[in-house]
Amino acid sequence: MKQPLITSFCFLAMFSCQPKAEKESIANGKEVYITNCISCHQPDGQGIEGIYPSLLKSDDITRSQTERTVTLIQFGSGFEGGMKPIMLTDKEITDVINYIQNTWQNKAPFLTKTELKQF
C-alpha cells in the first residue's frame, strides 16, 4: 500500500518542479524579447507585414525549426535588411526561444541549455 503512495508523491514532486522552471524561462525570455526583438516582431509577436515575420502560430518557430531559430539569433539571416545577429548567452537564447515557442498560441516542448548545445 505504501509503494503507490510513494510513487505518486515522487511523480508529483517531479511534475511540480517543472512548471516553475518553465515559468522562469518564459519570464526571462520575455525580458530578452523586450530588449532585443520587440522593435521588429512587435509586442504581440505580429511582426510587420512584408518586413518582419509574425511569430504567431508560425511554422518557422516551432520546435522542429529550433535549430534554424538558433542560427538566426546567433548569425542573423545573412541578407541586407534581414535579421542581424544578436549577442546572447546560451541561457538567454534558450529562454527567448522558450518564450516565443510558448506564447501567442504557440506551443512547443521546452528547450534546455543542454539541447541548445547540440545545434
Protein backbone atom coordinates (compact mmCIF):
# COMPACT_ATOMS: atom_id res chain seq x y z
CA MET A 1 0.00 0.00 0.00
CA LYS A 2 2.86 2.40 0.70
CA GLN A 3 4.55 1.85 -2.66
CA PRO A 4 1.83 3.51 -4.83
CA LEU A 5 1.69 6.47 -2.44
CA ILE A 6 5.47 6.94 -2.59
CA THR A 7 5.48 6.58 -6.37
CA SER A 8 2.66 9.11 -6.66
CA PHE A 9 4.47 11.53 -4.38
CA CYS A 10 7.69 11.26 -6.41
CA PHE A 11 5.81 11.81 -9.64
CA LEU A 12 4.03 14.86 -8.22
CA ALA A 13 7.30 16.26 -6.86
CA MET A 14 8.95 15.99 -10.29
CA PHE A 15 5.89 17.39 -12.03
CA SER A 16 5.56 20.37 -9.70
CA CYS A 17 9.21 21.37 -10.22
CA GLN A 18 8.95 21.55 -13.99
CA PRO A 19 6.33 24.29 -14.27
CA LYS A 20 8.39 26.60 -12.02
CA ALA A 21 11.44 26.20 -14.27
CA GLU A 22 9.28 26.75 -17.34
CA LYS A 23 7.69 29.86 -15.84
CA GLU A 24 11.13 31.26 -15.01
CA SER A 25 12.39 30.54 -18.52
CA ILE A 26 9.37 32.27 -20.07
CA ALA A 27 9.72 35.28 -17.75
CA ASN A 28 13.43 35.58 -18.54
CA GLY A 29 12.75 35.02 -22.25
CA LYS A 30 10.16 37.78 -22.24
CA GLU A 31 12.79 40.22 -20.93
CA VAL A 32 15.24 39.12 -23.63
CA TYR A 33 12.47 39.52 -26.24
CA ILE A 34 11.61 43.02 -24.99
CA THR A 35 15.26 44.06 -25.09
CA ASN A 36 16.23 42.51 -28.44
CA CYS A 37 13.25 41.50 -30.56
CA ILE A 38 10.23 43.70 -29.84
CA SER A 39 11.14 46.54 -32.21
CA CYS A 40 10.84 44.26 -35.26
CA HIS A 41 8.47 41.50 -34.16
CA GLN A 42 6.26 43.85 -32.10
CA PRO A 43 4.92 43.43 -28.53
CA ASP A 44 2.28 40.94 -29.66
CA GLY A 45 4.58 38.92 -31.95
CA GLN A 46 2.68 40.08 -35.06
CA GLY A 47 5.77 41.39 -36.81
CA ILE A 48 5.42 43.95 -39.58
CA GLU A 49 3.79 42.53 -42.70
CA GLY A 50 6.18 42.25 -45.59
CA ILE A 51 9.16 43.29 -43.48
CA TYR A 52 9.46 41.26 -40.25
CA PRO A 53 7.70 37.92 -39.93
CA SER A 54 4.96 37.20 -37.45
CA LEU A 55 5.80 34.81 -34.64
CA LEU A 56 2.14 33.89 -34.03
CA LYS A 57 1.33 30.25 -34.70
CA SER A 58 4.24 30.26 -37.12
CA ASP A 59 5.74 27.12 -38.63
CA ASP A 60 9.06 28.96 -38.65
CA ILE A 61 9.34 28.96 -34.86
CA THR A 62 8.03 25.50 -33.99
CA ARG A 63 10.27 23.05 -32.16
CA SER A 64 11.14 21.36 -35.46
CA GLN A 65 12.63 24.70 -36.56
CA THR A 66 14.55 25.39 -33.33
CA GLU A 67 17.95 24.87 -34.97
CA ARG A 68 17.05 27.44 -37.65
CA THR A 69 15.88 29.87 -34.96
CA VAL A 70 19.15 29.45 -33.02
CA THR A 71 21.12 30.09 -36.22
CA LEU A 72 19.10 33.25 -36.97
CA ILE A 73 19.71 34.58 -33.46
CA GLN A 74 23.43 33.82 -33.48
CA PHE A 75 24.33 34.65 -37.08
CA GLY A 76 21.43 36.67 -38.49
CA SER A 77 19.68 36.00 -41.77
CA GLY A 78 22.67 36.94 -43.90
CA PHE A 79 20.86 39.26 -46.26
CA GLU A 80 20.56 43.06 -46.48
CA GLY A 81 17.76 44.38 -44.31
CA GLY A 82 17.24 40.98 -42.68
CA MET A 83 17.74 39.92 -39.11
CA LYS A 84 21.09 40.87 -37.63
CA PRO A 85 22.99 38.57 -35.25
CA ILE A 86 22.19 39.09 -31.57
CA MET A 87 24.87 38.52 -28.96
CA LEU A 88 23.14 36.44 -26.29
CA THR A 89 24.28 33.85 -23.76
CA ASP A 90 23.14 30.25 -24.15
CA LYS A 91 20.67 30.81 -21.30
CA GLU A 92 19.24 33.92 -22.97
CA ILE A 93 18.86 32.07 -26.28
CA THR A 94 17.17 29.15 -24.55
CA ASP A 95 14.83 31.42 -22.61
CA VAL A 96 13.83 33.62 -25.56
CA ILE A 97 13.14 30.57 -27.72
CA ASN A 98 11.03 29.07 -24.92
CA TYR A 99 9.17 32.36 -24.64
CA ILE A 100 8.49 32.64 -28.39
CA GLN A 101 7.60 28.96 -28.79
CA ASN A 102 5.14 29.06 -25.87
CA THR A 103 3.47 32.45 -26.28
CA TRP A 104 0.90 33.83 -28.74
CA GLN A 105 -0.88 30.50 -29.23
CA ASN A 106 2.40 28.71 -29.92
CA LYS A 107 3.09 25.51 -28.01
CA ALA A 108 6.32 23.54 -28.07
CA PRO A 109 8.32 21.40 -25.66
CA PHE A 110 10.74 23.44 -23.59
CA LEU A 111 14.32 23.73 -24.79
CA THR A 112 17.17 23.19 -22.33
CA LYS A 113 20.70 24.60 -22.49
CA THR A 114 21.96 21.03 -22.99
CA GLU A 115 19.72 20.61 -26.05
CA LEU A 116 20.77 24.02 -27.34
CA LYS A 117 24.42 22.93 -27.39
CA GLN A 118 23.51 20.06 -29.74
CA PHE A 119 22.75 22.52 -32.57
